[in-house]
Amino acid sequence: MLRGEIGVLTHVVPSKTEPRTRCYLLIDFKDERYMGTLLFDNAAFCRQVSNLLENHIGKLIKEIGDLDLSYTL
């Protein structure tokens, strides 16, 4: 099992079925592909996070994790 902020974000796939409160992430790490799922209580917030992550495809997960999002509060 992998742990930590590793790999590169390659795809962001918002759920296409109701309730649309899931977002699937594809991450490449050492020539392997991994999938993770983000679960939300709110579909609108899920969409916002998906859109944000789509703007960071190709970046290291560590870089994405270090983003300062305080301006969104």
C-alpha atoms as a PDB file:
ATOM      1  CA  MET A   1       0.000   0.000   0.000  1.00  0.00           C
ATOM      2  CA  LEU A   2       1.328   3.412  -0.969  1.00  0.00           C
ATOM      3  CA  ARG A   3       1.169   6.315   1.449  1.00  0.00           C
ATOM      4  CA  GLY A   4       1.898   9.993   1.279  1.00  0.00           C
ATOM      5  CA  GLU A   5       1.825  12.623  -1.415  1.00  0.00           C
ATOM      6  CA  ILE A   6       3.490  10.751  -4.257  1.00  0.00           C
ATOM      7  CA  GLY A   7       3.116  10.564  -8.012  1.00  0.00           C
ATOM      8  CA  VAL A   8       1.768  12.806 -10.749  1.00  0.00           C
ATOM      9  CA  LEU A   9      -1.915  13.591 -11.295  1.00  0.00           C
ATOM     10  CA  THR A  10      -2.871  12.429 -14.788  1.00  0.00           C
ATOM     11  CA  HIS A  11      -6.686  12.443 -14.859  1.00  0.00           C
ATOM     12  CA  VAL A  12      -9.604  13.799 -12.851  1.00  0.00           C
ATOM     13  CA  VAL A  13     -12.950  12.093 -13.452  1.00  0.00           C
ATOM     14  CA  PRO A  14     -16.016  13.519 -11.696  1.00  0.00           C
ATOM     15  CA  SER A  15     -18.798  11.017 -11.084  1.00  0.00           C
ATOM     16  CA  LYS A  16     -21.348  10.897 -13.885  1.00  0.00           C
ATOM     17  CA  THR A  17     -24.024   9.206 -11.789  1.00  0.00           C
ATOM     18  CA  GLU A  18     -26.181  10.575  -8.981  1.00  0.00           C
ATOM     19  CA  PRO A  19     -25.359  11.630  -6.405  1.00  0.00           C
ATOM     20  CA  ARG A  20     -22.428  13.407  -8.022  1.00  0.00           C
ATOM     21  CA  THR A  21     -20.391  13.533  -4.866  1.00  0.00           C
ATOM     22  CA  ARG A  22     -17.388  11.463  -5.979  1.00  0.00           C
ATOM     23  CA  CYS A  23     -14.279  12.340  -7.907  1.00  0.00           C
ATOM     24  CA  TYR A  24     -11.826   9.755  -9.219  1.00  0.00           C
ATOM     25  CA  LEU A  25      -8.143  10.582  -9.540  1.00  0.00           C
ATOM     26  CA  LEU A  26      -5.608   8.748 -11.678  1.00  0.00           C
ATOM     27  CA  ILE A  27      -2.031   9.091 -10.502  1.00  0.00           C
ATOM     28  CA  ASP A  28       1.149   7.772 -12.130  1.00  0.00           C
ATOM     29  CA  PHE A  29       4.025   6.720  -9.903  1.00  0.00           C
ATOM     30  CA  LYS A  30       7.103   4.755 -10.985  1.00  0.00           C
ATOM     31  CA  ASP A  31       5.565   3.504 -14.243  1.00  0.00           C
ATOM     32  CA  GLU A  32       2.406   2.317 -12.452  1.00  0.00           C
ATOM     33  CA  ARG A  33      -1.068   3.849 -12.487  1.00  0.00           C
ATOM     34  CA  TYR A  34      -3.147   4.214  -9.336  1.00  0.00           C
ATOM     35  CA  MET A  35      -6.709   5.330  -8.793  1.00  0.00           C
ATOM     36  CA  GLY A  36      -8.075   7.135  -5.778  1.00  0.00           C
ATOM     37  CA  THR A  37     -11.531   8.357  -4.896  1.00  0.00           C
ATOM     38  CA  LEU A  38     -12.492  11.597  -3.179  1.00  0.00           C
ATOM     39  CA  LEU A  39     -15.883  11.479  -1.443  1.00  0.00           C
ATOM     40  CA  PHE A  40     -17.891  14.611  -0.653  1.00  0.00           C
ATOM     41  CA  ASP A  41     -21.183  15.401   1.064  1.00  0.00           C
ATOM     42  CA  ASN A  42     -21.955  18.218  -1.360  1.00  0.00           C
ATOM     43  CA  ALA A  43     -22.125  17.851  -5.164  1.00  0.00           C
ATOM     44  CA  ALA A  44     -21.350  21.535  -5.816  1.00  0.00           C
ATOM     45  CA  PHE A  45     -18.212  21.382  -3.683  1.00  0.00           C
ATOM     46  CA  CYS A  46     -17.185  18.151  -5.415  1.00  0.00           C
ATOM     47  CA  ARG A  47     -17.482  19.969  -8.768  1.00  0.00           C
ATOM     48  CA  GLN A  48     -15.367  22.862  -7.491  1.00  0.00           C
ATOM     49  CA  VAL A  49     -12.606  20.552  -6.271  1.00  0.00           C
ATOM     50  CA  SER A  50     -12.722  18.565  -9.531  1.00  0.00           C
ATOM     51  CA  ASN A  51     -12.353  21.764 -11.556  1.00  0.00           C
ATOM     52  CA  LEU A  52      -9.473  22.919  -9.385  1.00  0.00           C
ATOM     53  CA  LEU A  53      -7.684  19.588  -9.740  1.00  0.00           C
ATOM     54  CA  GLU A  54      -8.209  19.522 -13.517  1.00  0.00           C
ATOM     55  CA  ASN A  55      -6.171  22.735 -13.677  1.00  0.00           C
ATOM     56  CA  HIS A  56      -3.266  20.888 -12.044  1.00  0.00           C
ATOM     57  CA  ILE A  57      -3.063  17.763 -14.195  1.00  0.00           C
ATOM     58  CA  GLY A  58       0.570  16.895 -14.817  1.00  0.00           C
ATOM     59  CA  LYS A  59       1.744  18.237 -11.476  1.00  0.00           C
ATOM     60  CA  LEU A  60       3.161  16.302  -8.556  1.00  0.00           C
ATOM     61  CA  ILE A  61       0.627  15.371  -5.885  1.00  0.00           C
ATOM     62  CA  LYS A  62       2.978  17.007  -3.364  1.00  0.00           C
ATOM     63  CA  GLU A  63       2.745  20.317  -5.287  1.00  0.00           C
ATOM     64  CA  ILE A  64      -1.043  20.085  -5.382  1.00  0.00           C
ATOM     65  CA  GLY A  65      -1.139  19.314  -1.664  1.00  0.00           C
ATOM     66  CA  ASP A  66       0.966  22.403  -0.971  1.00  0.00           C
ATOM     67  CA  LEU A  67      -1.423  24.773  -2.784  1.00  0.00           C
ATOM     68  CA  ASP A  68      -2.566  27.732  -0.705  1.00  0.00           C
ATOM     69  CA  LEU A  69      -6.333  27.800  -1.035  1.00  0.00           C
ATOM     70  CA  SER A  70      -7.004  30.253   1.785  1.00  0.00           C
ATOM     71  CA  TYR A  71      -8.224  32.784  -0.792  1.00  0.00           C
ATOM     72  CA  THR A  72     -11.252  30.543  -1.418  1.00  0.00           C
ATOM     73  CA  LEU A  73     -12.592  30.905   2.131  1.00  0.00           C
END
